[in-house]
Amino acid sequence: QVQLVESGGGLVQAGGSLRLSCAASGSVFSTYAVFWYRRSPGKERRWVAVITNAGITNYADSVKGRFTISRDNTKNTVVLQMNSLKPEDTAVYYCNVGKDWGQGTLVTVSS
């Protein structure tokens, strides 16, 4: 089991940036792919980005070119850098490894 803690959410104006972090427990963190999902108000949770244990990344079309996912296995941390934020990016963002989820961090983008 991996324990995940997200941080870095907040209120930002459209066009701004935020940096989300996912801190994980466990020495085997480096062997897992790590995913970011988000749940917008009134919508289902949707996949945002993934980084594999080899560092390969992929993004949902809605965030491609604006978001960047990275990992530091020495710190058991995955970062989601979010630039050029839009009001439609407003959501609770969750970190996911296998069956384990963090508690989420709220991102609010004002127009």
Protein backbone atom coordinates (compact mmCIF):
# COMPACT_ATOMS: atom_id res chain seq x y z
CA GLN A 1 0.00 0.00 0.00
CA VAL A 2 1.19 3.48 -0.90
CA GLN A 3 0.07 6.54 1.04
CA LEU A 4 -0.28 9.64 -1.08
CA VAL A 5 -0.57 13.27 -0.01
CA GLU A 6 -1.30 16.02 -2.52
CA SER A 7 -0.50 19.67 -1.96
CA GLY A 8 -0.17 22.92 -3.86
CA GLY A 9 -3.77 23.67 -4.77
CA GLY A 10 -5.29 27.09 -4.42
CA LEU A 11 -7.00 30.00 -6.14
CA VAL A 12 -5.42 31.46 -9.24
CA GLN A 13 -6.54 33.75 -12.03
CA ALA A 14 -6.97 32.47 -15.56
CA GLY A 15 -3.62 32.38 -17.31
CA GLY A 16 -1.77 31.74 -14.09
CA SER A 17 0.20 28.74 -12.87
CA LEU A 18 0.14 26.29 -10.01
CA ARG A 19 2.45 23.49 -9.00
CA LEU A 20 0.87 20.42 -7.45
CA SER A 21 2.92 17.88 -5.55
CA CYS A 22 2.17 14.28 -4.65
CA ALA A 23 4.28 12.90 -1.84
CA ALA A 24 4.30 9.13 -1.47
CA SER A 25 5.35 6.76 1.25
CA GLY A 26 7.03 3.46 0.60
CA SER A 27 10.34 2.39 -0.80
CA VAL A 28 8.82 0.86 -3.93
CA PHE A 29 7.38 4.14 -5.19
CA SER A 30 9.93 4.30 -7.99
CA THR A 31 8.58 1.10 -9.53
CA TYR A 32 5.07 2.47 -10.07
CA ALA A 33 3.44 4.63 -12.68
CA VAL A 34 1.82 7.66 -11.07
CA PHE A 35 -1.35 9.25 -12.34
CA TRP A 36 -3.10 12.57 -11.79
CA TYR A 37 -6.88 12.73 -12.07
CA ARG A 38 -9.30 15.55 -11.47
CA ARG A 39 -12.95 15.88 -10.60
CA SER A 40 -14.64 19.07 -11.74
CA PRO A 41 -17.86 20.23 -10.05
CA GLY A 42 -20.75 18.04 -11.16
CA LYS A 43 -18.56 15.79 -13.29
CA GLU A 44 -16.92 12.40 -13.02
CA ARG A 45 -13.27 12.03 -12.13
CA ARG A 46 -11.13 12.18 -15.26
CA TRP A 47 -7.57 11.26 -16.02
CA VAL A 48 -5.16 14.17 -16.51
CA ALA A 49 -1.61 12.86 -16.80
CA VAL A 50 0.63 9.88 -16.14
CA ILE A 51 4.33 9.29 -15.66
CA THR A 52 5.66 5.75 -15.82
CA ASN A 53 8.44 4.31 -13.70
CA ALA A 54 10.69 4.90 -16.72
CA GLY A 55 9.73 8.56 -16.89
CA ILE A 56 7.49 8.30 -19.94
CA THR A 57 4.68 10.83 -19.82
CA ASN A 58 1.28 11.20 -21.39
CA TYR A 59 -1.48 13.79 -21.05
CA ALA A 60 -5.14 14.25 -21.65
CA ASP A 61 -5.79 16.36 -24.74
CA SER A 62 -7.41 19.05 -22.60
CA VAL A 63 -4.13 19.78 -20.78
CA LYS A 64 -1.51 18.84 -23.38
CA GLY A 65 0.97 21.63 -23.88
CA ARG A 66 -0.01 23.37 -20.63
CA PHE A 67 0.64 20.77 -17.92
CA THR A 68 3.89 18.93 -17.23
CA ILE A 69 4.26 15.90 -14.99
CA SER A 70 7.60 14.95 -13.49
CA ARG A 71 8.93 12.74 -10.74
CA ASP A 72 11.80 12.68 -8.29
CA ASN A 73 12.20 9.13 -7.04
CA THR A 74 14.83 10.19 -4.51
CA LYS A 75 12.15 12.27 -2.82
CA ASN A 76 9.19 9.97 -3.59
CA THR A 77 7.46 12.94 -5.21
CA VAL A 78 5.56 13.58 -8.40
CA VAL A 79 4.88 17.13 -9.52
CA LEU A 80 2.20 18.44 -11.85
CA GLN A 81 3.18 21.85 -13.18
CA MET A 82 0.10 23.60 -14.51
CA ASN A 83 0.49 26.67 -16.72
CA SER A 84 -1.93 28.80 -18.70
CA LEU A 85 -4.72 27.74 -16.41
CA LYS A 86 -8.32 28.07 -17.54
CA PRO A 87 -11.53 28.25 -15.51
CA GLU A 88 -12.40 24.79 -16.81
CA ASP A 89 -9.33 23.44 -15.01
CA THR A 90 -11.13 24.09 -11.73
CA ALA A 91 -11.33 20.74 -9.95
CA VAL A 92 -10.11 18.61 -7.11
CA TYR A 93 -6.89 17.00 -8.28
CA TYR A 94 -5.98 13.52 -7.11
CA CYS A 95 -2.78 11.52 -7.20
CA ASN A 96 -3.13 7.80 -7.90
CA VAL A 97 -0.81 4.80 -7.68
CA GLY A 98 -2.42 1.44 -8.34
CA LYS A 99 -5.40 1.15 -6.01
CA ASP A 100 -4.24 3.97 -3.75
CA TRP A 101 -5.49 7.55 -3.88
CA GLY A 102 -4.63 10.75 -2.11
CA GLN A 103 -7.20 12.98 -0.47
CA GLY A 104 -7.08 15.52 -3.27
CA THR A 105 -6.18 19.18 -3.52
CA LEU A 106 -8.56 21.86 -4.76
CA VAL A 107 -7.62 24.06 -7.69
CA THR A 108 -9.86 27.02 -8.45
CA VAL A 109 -9.24 29.14 -11.54
CA SER A 110 -11.11 32.43 -11.68
CA SER A 111 -11.97 34.14 -14.95
